[in-house]
N, C-alpha and C. Protein backbone atom coordinates (compact mmCIF):
# COMPACT_ATOMS: atom_id res chain seq x y z
N MET A 1 16.70 -44.11 -31.67
CA MET A 1 15.83 -43.11 -31.04
C MET A 1 16.24 -41.73 -31.51
N GLU A 2 15.25 -40.89 -31.82
CA GLU A 2 15.54 -39.57 -32.37
C GLU A 2 15.99 -38.63 -31.25
N THR A 3 17.06 -37.90 -31.52
CA THR A 3 17.58 -36.94 -30.55
C THR A 3 16.79 -35.64 -30.64
N PRO A 4 16.29 -35.10 -29.52
CA PRO A 4 15.52 -33.86 -29.56
C PRO A 4 16.37 -32.71 -30.09
N SER A 5 15.74 -31.82 -30.82
CA SER A 5 16.44 -30.65 -31.33
C SER A 5 16.73 -29.69 -30.19
N ASN A 6 17.66 -28.76 -30.43
CA ASN A 6 18.00 -27.76 -29.42
C ASN A 6 16.77 -26.92 -29.06
N ALA A 7 15.96 -26.62 -30.09
CA ALA A 7 14.77 -25.81 -29.86
C ALA A 7 13.79 -26.53 -28.95
N ALA A 8 13.65 -27.87 -29.16
CA ALA A 8 12.73 -28.65 -28.33
C ALA A 8 13.22 -28.69 -26.89
N VAL A 9 14.53 -28.84 -26.71
CA VAL A 9 15.10 -28.87 -25.37
C VAL A 9 14.88 -27.54 -24.67
N ALA A 10 15.11 -26.47 -25.40
CA ALA A 10 14.94 -25.13 -24.82
C ALA A 10 13.50 -24.90 -24.40
N ARG A 11 12.56 -25.33 -25.31
CA ARG A 11 11.15 -25.14 -25.02
C ARG A 11 10.74 -25.94 -23.78
N ARG A 12 11.27 -27.18 -23.67
CA ARG A 12 10.96 -28.02 -22.53
C ARG A 12 11.45 -27.36 -21.23
N GLY A 13 12.66 -26.79 -21.28
CA GLY A 13 13.20 -26.11 -20.11
C GLY A 13 12.37 -24.92 -19.72
N PHE A 14 11.87 -24.20 -20.74
CA PHE A 14 11.03 -23.02 -20.49
C PHE A 14 9.74 -23.43 -19.79
N ILE A 15 9.12 -24.51 -20.29
CA ILE A 15 7.87 -24.99 -19.70
C ILE A 15 8.09 -25.45 -18.27
N LEU A 16 9.19 -26.17 -18.03
CA LEU A 16 9.49 -26.61 -16.68
C LEU A 16 9.71 -25.43 -15.75
N GLY A 17 10.34 -24.39 -16.29
CA GLY A 17 10.57 -23.18 -15.49
C GLY A 17 9.27 -22.54 -15.09
N ILE A 18 8.32 -22.45 -16.01
CA ILE A 18 7.01 -21.88 -15.69
C ILE A 18 6.32 -22.71 -14.62
N GLY A 19 6.42 -24.04 -14.77
CA GLY A 19 5.78 -24.93 -13.80
C GLY A 19 6.36 -24.73 -12.41
N ALA A 20 7.68 -24.56 -12.31
CA ALA A 20 8.31 -24.37 -11.01
C ALA A 20 7.88 -23.07 -10.38
N THR A 21 7.81 -22.01 -11.18
CA THR A 21 7.39 -20.71 -10.67
C THR A 21 5.96 -20.76 -10.21
N GLY A 22 5.10 -21.44 -10.97
CA GLY A 22 3.70 -21.55 -10.60
C GLY A 22 3.54 -22.32 -9.31
N ALA A 23 4.31 -23.39 -9.15
CA ALA A 23 4.23 -24.17 -7.93
C ALA A 23 4.65 -23.35 -6.73
N LEU A 24 5.66 -22.49 -6.92
CA LEU A 24 6.11 -21.63 -5.85
C LEU A 24 5.01 -20.68 -5.43
N ALA A 25 4.35 -20.08 -6.42
CA ALA A 25 3.30 -19.11 -6.12
C ALA A 25 2.15 -19.76 -5.37
N VAL A 26 1.81 -20.99 -5.74
CA VAL A 26 0.69 -21.67 -5.10
C VAL A 26 1.04 -22.12 -3.70
N SER A 27 2.23 -22.65 -3.54
CA SER A 27 2.59 -23.23 -2.25
C SER A 27 3.02 -22.20 -1.23
N GLY A 28 3.45 -21.02 -1.69
CA GLY A 28 3.96 -20.02 -0.76
C GLY A 28 5.25 -20.48 -0.12
N CYS A 29 6.00 -21.27 -0.85
CA CYS A 29 7.24 -21.84 -0.34
C CYS A 29 8.21 -20.75 0.10
N ALA A 30 8.99 -21.04 1.16
CA ALA A 30 9.93 -20.05 1.69
C ALA A 30 11.31 -20.17 1.07
N SER A 31 11.44 -21.00 0.03
CA SER A 31 12.72 -21.11 -0.64
C SER A 31 12.52 -21.23 -2.13
N LEU A 32 13.59 -20.92 -2.86
CA LEU A 32 13.53 -20.98 -4.31
C LEU A 32 14.88 -21.42 -4.84
N GLY A 33 14.89 -22.60 -5.46
CA GLY A 33 16.15 -23.09 -6.02
C GLY A 33 17.25 -23.17 -4.98
N GLY A 34 16.90 -23.50 -3.75
CA GLY A 34 17.90 -23.56 -2.70
C GLY A 34 18.11 -22.24 -1.99
N PHE A 35 17.49 -21.16 -2.50
CA PHE A 35 17.61 -19.85 -1.89
C PHE A 35 16.57 -19.69 -0.79
N SER A 36 16.97 -19.24 0.36
CA SER A 36 16.05 -19.01 1.47
C SER A 36 15.41 -17.63 1.31
N MET A 37 14.10 -17.58 1.23
CA MET A 37 13.40 -16.30 1.13
C MET A 37 13.57 -15.49 2.41
N THR A 38 13.64 -16.18 3.55
CA THR A 38 13.87 -15.49 4.81
C THR A 38 15.22 -14.80 4.80
N GLU A 39 16.23 -15.51 4.33
CA GLU A 39 17.57 -14.93 4.26
C GLU A 39 17.60 -13.77 3.26
N ALA A 40 16.92 -13.92 2.13
CA ALA A 40 16.88 -12.85 1.14
C ALA A 40 16.22 -11.61 1.72
N LEU A 41 15.12 -11.80 2.45
CA LEU A 41 14.43 -10.66 3.06
C LEU A 41 15.31 -9.98 4.10
N LYS A 42 16.01 -10.78 4.89
CA LYS A 42 16.89 -10.19 5.90
C LYS A 42 18.02 -9.41 5.25
N ARG A 43 18.52 -9.92 4.13
CA ARG A 43 19.58 -9.17 3.43
C ARG A 43 19.03 -7.88 2.84
N LEU A 44 17.82 -7.92 2.33
CA LEU A 44 17.19 -6.71 1.78
C LEU A 44 17.01 -5.67 2.87
N LEU A 45 16.52 -6.09 4.03
CA LEU A 45 16.31 -5.16 5.13
C LEU A 45 17.63 -4.66 5.70
N THR A 46 18.62 -5.52 5.76
CA THR A 46 19.92 -5.11 6.27
C THR A 46 20.56 -4.05 5.38
N LEU A 47 20.58 -4.30 4.08
CA LEU A 47 21.18 -3.34 3.15
C LEU A 47 20.41 -2.03 3.13
N SER A 48 19.08 -2.13 3.13
CA SER A 48 18.26 -0.92 3.12
C SER A 48 18.53 -0.08 4.36
N SER A 49 18.62 -0.73 5.51
CA SER A 49 18.86 -0.03 6.76
C SER A 49 20.27 0.55 6.82
N GLN A 50 21.25 -0.24 6.40
CA GLN A 50 22.63 0.25 6.41
C GLN A 50 22.79 1.47 5.50
N ASN A 51 22.20 1.40 4.33
CA ASN A 51 22.29 2.54 3.40
C ASN A 51 21.61 3.77 3.98
N ALA A 52 20.45 3.55 4.61
CA ALA A 52 19.70 4.67 5.19
C ALA A 52 20.49 5.32 6.32
N PHE A 53 21.00 4.52 7.24
CA PHE A 53 21.70 5.10 8.38
C PHE A 53 23.04 5.70 7.99
N ALA A 54 23.68 5.17 6.96
CA ALA A 54 24.92 5.78 6.48
C ALA A 54 24.66 7.22 6.03
N LYS A 55 23.52 7.46 5.44
CA LYS A 55 23.17 8.81 4.99
C LYS A 55 22.71 9.68 6.16
N LEU A 56 21.85 9.14 7.02
CA LEU A 56 21.25 9.95 8.07
C LEU A 56 22.21 10.32 9.19
N THR A 57 23.23 9.51 9.42
CA THR A 57 24.19 9.82 10.49
C THR A 57 25.36 10.66 9.99
N ALA A 58 25.41 10.92 8.69
CA ALA A 58 26.43 11.81 8.13
C ALA A 58 26.04 13.26 8.43
N PRO A 59 27.00 14.18 8.45
CA PRO A 59 26.67 15.59 8.69
C PRO A 59 25.61 16.09 7.70
N GLY A 60 24.54 16.66 8.22
CA GLY A 60 23.45 17.14 7.36
C GLY A 60 22.59 16.04 6.81
N GLY A 61 22.66 14.85 7.39
CA GLY A 61 21.96 13.69 6.83
C GLY A 61 20.46 13.87 6.70
N PHE A 62 19.80 14.28 7.76
CA PHE A 62 18.35 14.49 7.70
C PHE A 62 18.02 15.70 6.83
N TRP A 63 18.73 16.77 7.05
CA TRP A 63 18.42 18.02 6.36
C TRP A 63 18.59 17.90 4.86
N ASP A 64 19.58 17.15 4.42
CA ASP A 64 19.88 17.04 2.99
C ASP A 64 19.04 15.99 2.28
N SER A 65 18.29 15.19 3.03
CA SER A 65 17.48 14.12 2.43
C SER A 65 16.10 14.63 2.04
N GLU A 66 15.69 14.33 0.82
CA GLU A 66 14.37 14.75 0.36
C GLU A 66 13.25 14.05 1.11
N VAL A 67 13.52 12.85 1.60
CA VAL A 67 12.46 12.09 2.28
C VAL A 67 12.57 12.16 3.80
N ALA A 68 13.76 12.47 4.34
CA ALA A 68 13.96 12.41 5.79
C ALA A 68 13.85 13.77 6.48
N ARG A 69 14.05 14.85 5.76
CA ARG A 69 13.96 16.16 6.41
C ARG A 69 12.58 16.35 7.02
N PHE A 70 12.53 16.76 8.29
CA PHE A 70 11.24 16.90 8.95
C PHE A 70 10.98 18.34 9.39
N ALA A 71 9.71 18.66 9.49
CA ALA A 71 9.30 19.99 9.90
C ALA A 71 9.47 20.16 11.40
N THR A 72 9.37 21.39 11.87
CA THR A 72 9.47 21.67 13.30
C THR A 72 8.38 20.91 14.04
N PRO A 73 8.73 20.16 15.08
CA PRO A 73 7.72 19.40 15.83
C PRO A 73 6.60 20.29 16.37
N ASP A 74 5.44 19.68 16.58
CA ASP A 74 4.28 20.43 17.06
C ASP A 74 4.55 21.11 18.39
N LEU A 75 5.44 20.54 19.19
CA LEU A 75 5.78 21.13 20.48
C LEU A 75 6.24 22.58 20.31
N PHE A 76 6.92 22.83 19.18
CA PHE A 76 7.39 24.19 18.90
C PHE A 76 6.40 24.97 18.05
N SER A 77 5.95 24.35 16.98
CA SER A 77 5.15 25.09 15.99
C SER A 77 3.80 25.53 16.54
N GLY A 78 3.29 24.83 17.56
CA GLY A 78 1.99 25.21 18.10
C GLY A 78 2.10 26.12 19.31
N ALA A 79 3.31 26.58 19.60
CA ALA A 79 3.53 27.37 20.81
C ALA A 79 3.04 28.80 20.65
N GLY A 80 2.64 29.37 21.76
CA GLY A 80 2.27 30.78 21.77
C GLY A 80 3.30 31.56 22.57
N GLY A 81 2.91 32.69 23.13
CA GLY A 81 3.80 33.47 23.97
C GLY A 81 5.06 33.91 23.26
N LEU A 82 6.17 33.89 24.01
CA LEU A 82 7.45 34.36 23.48
C LEU A 82 7.90 33.54 22.28
N LEU A 83 7.79 32.21 22.39
CA LEU A 83 8.24 31.36 21.27
C LEU A 83 7.38 31.60 20.04
N GLY A 84 6.08 31.78 20.24
CA GLY A 84 5.21 32.08 19.10
C GLY A 84 5.65 33.34 18.40
N SER A 85 6.09 34.33 19.17
CA SER A 85 6.57 35.58 18.59
C SER A 85 7.87 35.34 17.82
N LEU A 86 8.75 34.53 18.41
CA LEU A 86 10.02 34.25 17.74
C LEU A 86 9.80 33.53 16.41
N LEU A 87 8.82 32.63 16.40
CA LEU A 87 8.58 31.81 15.20
C LEU A 87 7.89 32.57 14.08
N THR A 88 7.46 33.80 14.36
CA THR A 88 6.91 34.61 13.27
C THR A 88 8.01 35.02 12.30
N SER A 89 9.25 34.93 12.76
CA SER A 89 10.40 35.21 11.89
C SER A 89 10.72 33.97 11.06
N GLY A 90 10.62 34.09 9.75
CA GLY A 90 10.93 32.96 8.88
C GLY A 90 12.35 32.48 9.05
N LEU A 91 13.28 33.40 9.27
CA LEU A 91 14.69 33.06 9.45
C LEU A 91 14.88 32.23 10.71
N PHE A 92 14.27 32.68 11.82
CA PHE A 92 14.40 31.95 13.08
C PHE A 92 13.79 30.57 12.95
N ARG A 93 12.61 30.47 12.35
CA ARG A 93 11.92 29.19 12.19
C ARG A 93 12.75 28.23 11.35
N ASN A 94 13.35 28.72 10.27
CA ASN A 94 14.17 27.88 9.40
C ASN A 94 15.43 27.40 10.12
N GLN A 95 16.04 28.28 10.88
CA GLN A 95 17.25 27.91 11.62
C GLN A 95 16.94 26.89 12.71
N LEU A 96 15.79 27.04 13.35
CA LEU A 96 15.39 26.08 14.37
C LEU A 96 15.11 24.71 13.74
N GLN A 97 14.40 24.70 12.63
CA GLN A 97 14.12 23.45 11.94
C GLN A 97 15.41 22.75 11.56
N ARG A 98 16.35 23.51 11.02
CA ARG A 98 17.62 22.90 10.61
C ARG A 98 18.37 22.34 11.81
N GLN A 99 18.39 23.06 12.91
CA GLN A 99 19.11 22.58 14.08
C GLN A 99 18.50 21.32 14.65
N LEU A 100 17.18 21.24 14.63
CA LEU A 100 16.51 20.03 15.13
C LEU A 100 16.81 18.84 14.23
N ASN A 101 16.92 19.08 12.92
CA ASN A 101 17.30 18.00 11.99
C ASN A 101 18.74 17.56 12.24
N ILE A 102 19.59 18.50 12.64
CA ILE A 102 20.99 18.16 12.95
C ILE A 102 21.04 17.32 14.23
N VAL A 103 20.29 17.73 15.23
CA VAL A 103 20.23 16.98 16.49
C VAL A 103 19.76 15.54 16.25
N ALA A 104 18.84 15.37 15.29
CA ALA A 104 18.28 14.04 15.00
C ALA A 104 19.35 13.05 14.55
N GLU A 105 20.46 13.55 14.04
CA GLU A 105 21.54 12.65 13.61
C GLU A 105 22.03 11.79 14.78
N LYS A 106 22.07 12.39 15.97
CA LYS A 106 22.50 11.63 17.15
C LYS A 106 21.47 10.56 17.51
N GLY A 107 20.21 10.88 17.27
CA GLY A 107 19.18 9.87 17.50
C GLY A 107 19.33 8.70 16.55
N ALA A 108 19.65 8.99 15.30
CA ALA A 108 19.82 7.93 14.31
C ALA A 108 20.98 7.01 14.68
N GLU A 109 22.01 7.55 15.30
CA GLU A 109 23.14 6.72 15.73
C GLU A 109 22.69 5.69 16.76
N LYS A 110 21.75 6.07 17.61
CA LYS A 110 21.23 5.14 18.61
C LYS A 110 20.23 4.16 18.00
N ALA A 111 19.52 4.59 16.97
CA ALA A 111 18.50 3.75 16.36
C ALA A 111 19.10 2.67 15.47
N ALA A 112 20.22 2.96 14.83
CA ALA A 112 20.81 2.03 13.85
C ALA A 112 21.03 0.63 14.41
N PRO A 113 21.72 0.46 15.54
CA PRO A 113 21.94 -0.91 16.03
C PRO A 113 20.65 -1.61 16.45
N VAL A 114 19.64 -0.84 16.84
CA VAL A 114 18.36 -1.44 17.24
C VAL A 114 17.68 -2.06 16.03
N VAL A 115 17.70 -1.34 14.90
CA VAL A 115 17.10 -1.88 13.68
C VAL A 115 17.86 -3.10 13.20
N LEU A 116 19.17 -3.02 13.14
CA LEU A 116 19.97 -4.12 12.61
C LEU A 116 19.86 -5.36 13.50
N SER A 117 19.77 -5.16 14.80
CA SER A 117 19.58 -6.29 15.71
C SER A 117 18.22 -6.94 15.49
N ALA A 118 17.21 -6.12 15.27
CA ALA A 118 15.87 -6.65 15.03
C ALA A 118 15.83 -7.48 13.75
N VAL A 119 16.52 -7.00 12.71
CA VAL A 119 16.54 -7.74 11.44
C VAL A 119 17.20 -9.10 11.63
N ARG A 120 18.26 -9.15 12.39
CA ARG A 120 18.97 -10.42 12.60
C ARG A 120 18.13 -11.43 13.38
N ASN A 121 17.35 -10.95 14.32
CA ASN A 121 16.71 -11.86 15.27
C ASN A 121 15.20 -12.05 15.10
N ILE A 122 14.59 -11.26 14.23
CA ILE A 122 13.14 -11.28 14.13
C ILE A 122 12.64 -12.54 13.43
N SER A 123 11.47 -13.01 13.83
CA SER A 123 10.83 -14.17 13.19
C SER A 123 9.98 -13.67 12.03
N ILE A 124 10.13 -14.33 10.88
CA ILE A 124 9.43 -13.88 9.67
C ILE A 124 8.55 -15.02 9.16
N PRO A 125 7.26 -14.99 9.44
CA PRO A 125 6.38 -16.10 9.05
C PRO A 125 6.06 -16.15 7.56
N ASP A 126 6.14 -15.01 6.87
CA ASP A 126 5.78 -14.98 5.45
C ASP A 126 6.77 -14.14 4.66
N ALA A 127 8.03 -14.60 4.62
CA ALA A 127 9.08 -13.86 3.93
C ALA A 127 8.77 -13.70 2.45
N LEU A 128 8.24 -14.75 1.84
CA LEU A 128 7.92 -14.70 0.41
C LEU A 128 6.88 -13.63 0.13
N GLY A 129 5.86 -13.56 0.96
CA GLY A 129 4.82 -12.57 0.76
C GLY A 129 5.34 -11.15 0.87
N VAL A 130 6.27 -10.92 1.80
CA VAL A 130 6.84 -9.58 1.97
C VAL A 130 7.73 -9.23 0.77
N ILE A 131 8.53 -10.18 0.33
CA ILE A 131 9.41 -9.91 -0.81
C ILE A 131 8.60 -9.62 -2.07
N ARG A 132 7.45 -10.29 -2.19
CA ARG A 132 6.63 -10.09 -3.38
C ARG A 132 5.75 -8.84 -3.28
N GLY A 133 5.87 -8.10 -2.19
CA GLY A 133 5.06 -6.90 -1.98
C GLY A 133 5.54 -5.72 -2.82
N GLY A 134 5.07 -4.54 -2.45
CA GLY A 134 5.41 -3.33 -3.18
C GLY A 134 6.82 -2.84 -2.91
N PRO A 135 7.16 -1.64 -3.40
CA PRO A 135 8.52 -1.11 -3.31
C PRO A 135 9.05 -0.96 -1.89
N THR A 136 8.16 -0.72 -0.92
CA THR A 136 8.60 -0.55 0.47
C THR A 136 7.95 -1.58 1.40
N ALA A 137 7.57 -2.71 0.85
CA ALA A 137 6.84 -3.72 1.65
C ALA A 137 7.67 -4.22 2.83
N ALA A 138 8.96 -4.44 2.63
CA ALA A 138 9.80 -4.99 3.69
C ALA A 138 9.98 -3.99 4.83
N SER A 139 10.29 -2.74 4.50
CA SER A 139 10.50 -1.74 5.55
C SER A 139 9.19 -1.44 6.28
N SER A 140 8.08 -1.43 5.56
CA SER A 140 6.78 -1.21 6.21
C SER A 140 6.45 -2.35 7.16
N TRP A 141 6.76 -3.58 6.74
CA TRP A 141 6.52 -4.73 7.59
C TRP A 141 7.38 -4.66 8.85
N LEU A 142 8.66 -4.34 8.68
CA LEU A 142 9.57 -4.26 9.83
C LEU A 142 9.14 -3.16 10.79
N ARG A 143 8.72 -2.03 10.26
CA ARG A 143 8.26 -0.95 11.12
C ARG A 143 7.06 -1.39 11.97
N GLY A 144 6.17 -2.11 11.35
CA GLY A 144 5.01 -2.62 12.08
C GLY A 144 5.41 -3.56 13.20
N GLN A 145 6.45 -4.34 12.97
CA GLN A 145 6.91 -5.28 13.99
C GLN A 145 7.61 -4.57 15.15
N MET A 146 8.30 -3.47 14.85
CA MET A 146 9.13 -2.81 15.86
C MET A 146 8.37 -1.75 16.67
N GLY A 147 7.25 -1.29 16.15
CA GLY A 147 6.46 -0.31 16.90
C GLY A 147 7.25 0.94 17.26
N SER A 148 7.26 1.28 18.55
CA SER A 148 7.91 2.52 19.01
C SER A 148 9.34 2.27 19.50
N ALA A 149 9.94 1.15 19.12
CA ALA A 149 11.28 0.80 19.62
C ALA A 149 12.32 1.86 19.29
N LEU A 150 12.24 2.46 18.11
CA LEU A 150 13.25 3.45 17.73
C LEU A 150 13.09 4.73 18.54
N ILE A 151 11.86 5.14 18.77
CA ILE A 151 11.63 6.34 19.58
C ILE A 151 12.22 6.14 20.96
N ASN A 152 11.94 5.01 21.57
CA ASN A 152 12.46 4.73 22.91
C ASN A 152 13.99 4.70 22.92
N ALA A 153 14.59 4.19 21.85
CA ALA A 153 16.05 4.10 21.79
C ALA A 153 16.68 5.47 21.58
N MET A 154 15.99 6.36 20.88
CA MET A 154 16.57 7.65 20.52
C MET A 154 16.49 8.71 21.62
N VAL A 155 15.47 8.66 22.45
CA VAL A 155 15.23 9.74 23.41
C VAL A 155 16.44 10.04 24.30
N PRO A 156 17.10 9.06 24.92
CA PRO A 156 18.25 9.40 25.77
C PRO A 156 19.37 10.11 25.00
N GLY A 157 19.69 9.61 23.80
CA GLY A 157 20.74 10.23 23.01
C GLY A 157 20.38 11.63 22.55
N LEU A 158 19.11 11.82 22.20
CA LEU A 158 18.65 13.14 21.79
C LEU A 158 18.67 14.11 22.96
N SER A 159 18.31 13.65 24.14
CA SER A 159 18.36 14.50 25.33
C SER A 159 19.77 15.01 25.56
N ASP A 160 20.74 14.11 25.45
CA ASP A 160 22.14 14.49 25.63
C ASP A 160 22.58 15.47 24.54
N ALA A 161 22.18 15.19 23.31
CA ALA A 161 22.58 16.05 22.20
C ALA A 161 22.01 17.46 22.34
N ILE A 162 20.77 17.55 22.77
CA ILE A 162 20.14 18.86 22.97
C ILE A 162 20.81 19.60 24.12
N ARG A 163 21.14 18.87 25.17
CA ARG A 163 21.72 19.48 26.36
C ARG A 163 23.09 20.10 26.07
N VAL A 164 23.86 19.46 25.20
CA VAL A 164 25.24 19.92 24.96
C VAL A 164 25.39 20.64 23.62
N SER A 165 24.31 20.85 22.90
CA SER A 165 24.43 21.40 21.55
C SER A 165 25.06 22.79 21.54
N GLY A 166 24.68 23.62 22.48
CA GLY A 166 25.23 24.97 22.50
C GLY A 166 24.73 25.87 21.39
N ASP A 167 23.75 25.39 20.63
CA ASP A 167 23.23 26.21 19.54
C ASP A 167 22.34 27.31 20.12
N PRO A 168 22.61 28.57 19.80
CA PRO A 168 21.83 29.67 20.41
C PRO A 168 20.37 29.68 19.99
N ILE A 169 20.08 29.29 18.76
CA ILE A 169 18.69 29.28 18.29
C ILE A 169 17.89 28.23 19.04
N LEU A 170 18.45 27.03 19.14
CA LEU A 170 17.78 25.95 19.84
C LEU A 170 17.62 26.29 21.32
N GLY A 171 18.67 26.84 21.91
CA GLY A 171 18.61 27.22 23.31
C GLY A 171 17.55 28.28 23.57
N LYS A 172 17.46 29.24 22.68
CA LYS A 172 16.47 30.31 22.83
C LYS A 172 15.05 29.76 22.70
N ALA A 173 14.85 28.83 21.77
CA ALA A 173 13.53 28.25 21.56
C ALA A 173 13.10 27.43 22.76
N ILE A 174 14.01 26.62 23.30
CA ILE A 174 13.67 25.80 24.46
C ILE A 174 13.39 26.66 25.68
N SER A 175 14.18 27.70 25.86
CA SER A 175 13.97 28.61 26.99
C SER A 175 12.61 29.29 26.92
N ALA A 176 12.13 29.50 25.69
CA ALA A 176 10.85 30.18 25.51
C ALA A 176 9.66 29.24 25.68
N LEU A 177 9.92 27.94 25.79
CA LEU A 177 8.85 26.98 26.02
C LEU A 177 8.52 26.94 27.51
N SER A 178 7.36 27.33 27.86
CA SER A 178 6.98 27.38 29.26
C SER A 178 6.63 25.99 29.79
N GLY A 179 7.31 25.58 30.87
CA GLY A 179 6.99 24.32 31.52
C GLY A 179 7.37 23.08 30.75
N VAL A 180 8.31 23.19 29.81
CA VAL A 180 8.73 22.05 28.99
C VAL A 180 10.19 21.74 29.28
N ASP A 181 10.51 20.47 29.59
CA ASP A 181 11.89 20.11 29.86
C ASP A 181 12.55 19.50 28.62
N ILE A 182 13.83 19.25 28.74
CA ILE A 182 14.59 18.73 27.60
C ILE A 182 14.09 17.34 27.19
N GLY A 183 13.66 16.55 28.16
CA GLY A 183 13.14 15.23 27.84
C GLY A 183 11.93 15.30 26.93
N SER A 184 11.07 16.26 27.15
CA SER A 184 9.88 16.44 26.30
C SER A 184 10.27 16.87 24.90
N VAL A 185 11.28 17.74 24.81
CA VAL A 185 11.78 18.16 23.50
C VAL A 185 12.37 16.97 22.76
N ALA A 186 13.16 16.16 23.47
CA ALA A 186 13.77 14.97 22.86
C ALA A 186 12.70 14.01 22.37
N GLN A 187 11.64 13.84 23.12
CA GLN A 187 10.54 12.96 22.73
C GLN A 187 9.89 13.45 21.44
N SER A 188 9.68 14.75 21.33
CA SER A 188 9.04 15.31 20.14
C SER A 188 9.93 15.17 18.91
N VAL A 189 11.23 15.36 19.10
CA VAL A 189 12.17 15.19 17.98
C VAL A 189 12.26 13.72 17.59
N ALA A 190 12.27 12.84 18.59
CA ALA A 190 12.35 11.40 18.31
C ALA A 190 11.16 10.92 17.49
N THR A 191 9.99 11.47 17.78
CA THR A 191 8.79 11.08 17.03
C THR A 191 8.91 11.49 15.57
N ARG A 192 9.42 12.69 15.32
CA ARG A 192 9.64 13.13 13.94
C ARG A 192 10.73 12.30 13.27
N ALA A 193 11.82 12.07 14.00
CA ALA A 193 12.95 11.33 13.44
C ALA A 193 12.58 9.90 13.12
N ASP A 194 11.71 9.31 13.93
CA ASP A 194 11.26 7.94 13.69
C ASP A 194 10.61 7.83 12.31
N ASN A 195 9.70 8.75 12.01
CA ASN A 195 9.07 8.75 10.68
C ASN A 195 10.12 8.90 9.60
N SER A 196 11.06 9.82 9.80
CA SER A 196 12.07 10.10 8.78
C SER A 196 12.96 8.90 8.52
N ILE A 197 13.34 8.20 9.58
CA ILE A 197 14.20 7.02 9.44
C ILE A 197 13.50 5.96 8.60
N TRP A 198 12.23 5.71 8.89
CA TRP A 198 11.51 4.69 8.13
C TRP A 198 11.27 5.13 6.69
N TYR A 199 11.06 6.42 6.48
CA TYR A 199 10.92 6.91 5.10
C TYR A 199 12.22 6.66 4.33
N GLN A 200 13.36 6.90 4.98
CA GLN A 200 14.65 6.72 4.31
C GLN A 200 14.94 5.25 4.06
N ILE A 201 14.64 4.39 5.03
CA ILE A 201 14.83 2.95 4.82
C ILE A 201 13.95 2.48 3.66
N GLY A 202 12.73 2.97 3.61
CA GLY A 202 11.83 2.62 2.51
C GLY A 202 12.36 3.07 1.17
N ALA A 203 12.94 4.26 1.13
CA ALA A 203 13.50 4.77 -0.12
C ALA A 203 14.68 3.91 -0.57
N GLU A 204 15.49 3.47 0.39
CA GLU A 204 16.63 2.61 0.04
C GLU A 204 16.16 1.24 -0.43
N GLU A 205 15.13 0.71 0.21
CA GLU A 205 14.57 -0.56 -0.23
C GLU A 205 14.04 -0.46 -1.65
N SER A 206 13.32 0.61 -1.93
CA SER A 206 12.76 0.81 -3.27
C SER A 206 13.86 0.87 -4.32
N ALA A 207 14.96 1.53 -3.98
CA ALA A 207 16.09 1.64 -4.92
C ALA A 207 16.72 0.28 -5.18
N ILE A 208 16.83 -0.53 -4.14
CA ILE A 208 17.40 -1.88 -4.30
C ILE A 208 16.48 -2.74 -5.16
N ARG A 209 15.20 -2.66 -4.90
CA ARG A 209 14.25 -3.45 -5.70
C ARG A 209 14.30 -3.04 -7.17
N ALA A 210 14.49 -1.77 -7.43
CA ALA A 210 14.54 -1.28 -8.80
C ALA A 210 15.82 -1.70 -9.51
N ASN A 211 16.89 -1.91 -8.74
CA ASN A 211 18.16 -2.28 -9.34
C ASN A 211 18.89 -3.28 -8.44
N PRO A 212 18.41 -4.54 -8.40
CA PRO A 212 19.02 -5.54 -7.51
C PRO A 212 20.51 -5.76 -7.77
N ALA A 213 20.94 -5.60 -9.03
CA ALA A 213 22.34 -5.85 -9.37
C ALA A 213 23.29 -4.93 -8.61
N SER A 214 22.79 -3.79 -8.15
CA SER A 214 23.64 -2.84 -7.43
C SER A 214 24.14 -3.41 -6.10
N THR A 215 23.48 -4.45 -5.60
CA THR A 215 23.86 -5.04 -4.32
C THR A 215 25.04 -5.99 -4.42
N ASN A 216 25.29 -6.52 -5.62
CA ASN A 216 26.32 -7.54 -5.82
C ASN A 216 26.10 -8.76 -4.92
N ASP A 217 24.84 -9.01 -4.58
CA ASP A 217 24.48 -10.14 -3.72
C ASP A 217 23.69 -11.14 -4.56
N PRO A 218 24.29 -12.26 -4.94
CA PRO A 218 23.62 -13.21 -5.83
C PRO A 218 22.27 -13.70 -5.30
N LEU A 219 22.18 -13.98 -4.00
CA LEU A 219 20.93 -14.47 -3.45
C LEU A 219 19.83 -13.41 -3.57
N LEU A 220 20.16 -12.20 -3.20
CA LEU A 220 19.17 -11.12 -3.24
C LEU A 220 18.79 -10.78 -4.68
N ILE A 221 19.77 -10.76 -5.56
CA ILE A 221 19.50 -10.49 -6.97
C ILE A 221 18.56 -11.56 -7.53
N GLY A 222 18.87 -12.82 -7.22
CA GLY A 222 18.04 -13.92 -7.73
C GLY A 222 16.62 -13.84 -7.21
N ALA A 223 16.46 -13.59 -5.92
CA ALA A 223 15.13 -13.55 -5.32
C ALA A 223 14.30 -12.41 -5.90
N LEU A 224 14.88 -11.23 -6.00
CA LEU A 224 14.12 -10.07 -6.48
C LEU A 224 13.82 -10.15 -7.97
N LYS A 225 14.75 -10.67 -8.75
CA LYS A 225 14.51 -10.75 -10.20
C LYS A 225 13.48 -11.82 -10.54
N ILE A 226 13.53 -12.93 -9.85
CA ILE A 226 12.61 -14.01 -10.14
C ILE A 226 11.19 -13.67 -9.71
N LEU A 227 11.09 -13.00 -8.54
CA LEU A 227 9.78 -12.72 -7.97
C LEU A 227 9.24 -11.38 -8.39
C-alpha cells in the first residue's frame, strides 16, 4: 500500500480543520476542541473588568482616561442662580469636573466586586455568539444584563465620599444648589460613572481581542484566535 506524502497528509488535515470550523459555525456549539466558550467568555469579561477597575480606582483614574473622563453632570451644568454664575468661570467649571471625576473613583471601588460577581454567576445562553461579536460585544452584553446594578451599588459610597471630601470647589458647588441633597448629587455622579466604567471595560475588551496573547491564557487565546 502506498504511503501518503507529507503534502497529502497536511492537505487532509487542513480540509478536516475547515470542516470542523464549519460544523462549529452551523451548530452554534458552546465548545471548541474541549474548550468551553462559556468559560472563555467569562475569562474575557473578568480580565476586561479587572484591567478597567485597576485603572479607574487608581489616583486620577477617571480623569486620566480618554474614554472614562466624564463631563459635569446635568445637575450642575444646567443650574442657574448662584451656581450658574460660578460656572461661568472656566477655571471653576474645570476644577469641579475634575473633583467629581476624583470622587467617582470611590464609586468604582464599590462597583468592581458587583461586576466580578455577576461574571462568575451569570447564565450565558449564547457564549459563542457573544465571543464572535464585535470589539466590545462581551461588555455590551454584560451591561445589558446588569442594567442599573452599578449605579445602585455606587450611590452609598459616592455619598460618603462627597460628604467627607473637604474639597472647597465641590463644597461651594453643592451649597449653591438650591434644594439638592448629597444623595441627589451622588446619584448624578453615579449615572455618569456608570457610563464611564462600561466604556473602560469595553476598551479593555477591545484591546484583549486585538492582542489575545497579552493575556497568557491558552483557553482565551485559542478561542479568540480561532473565532
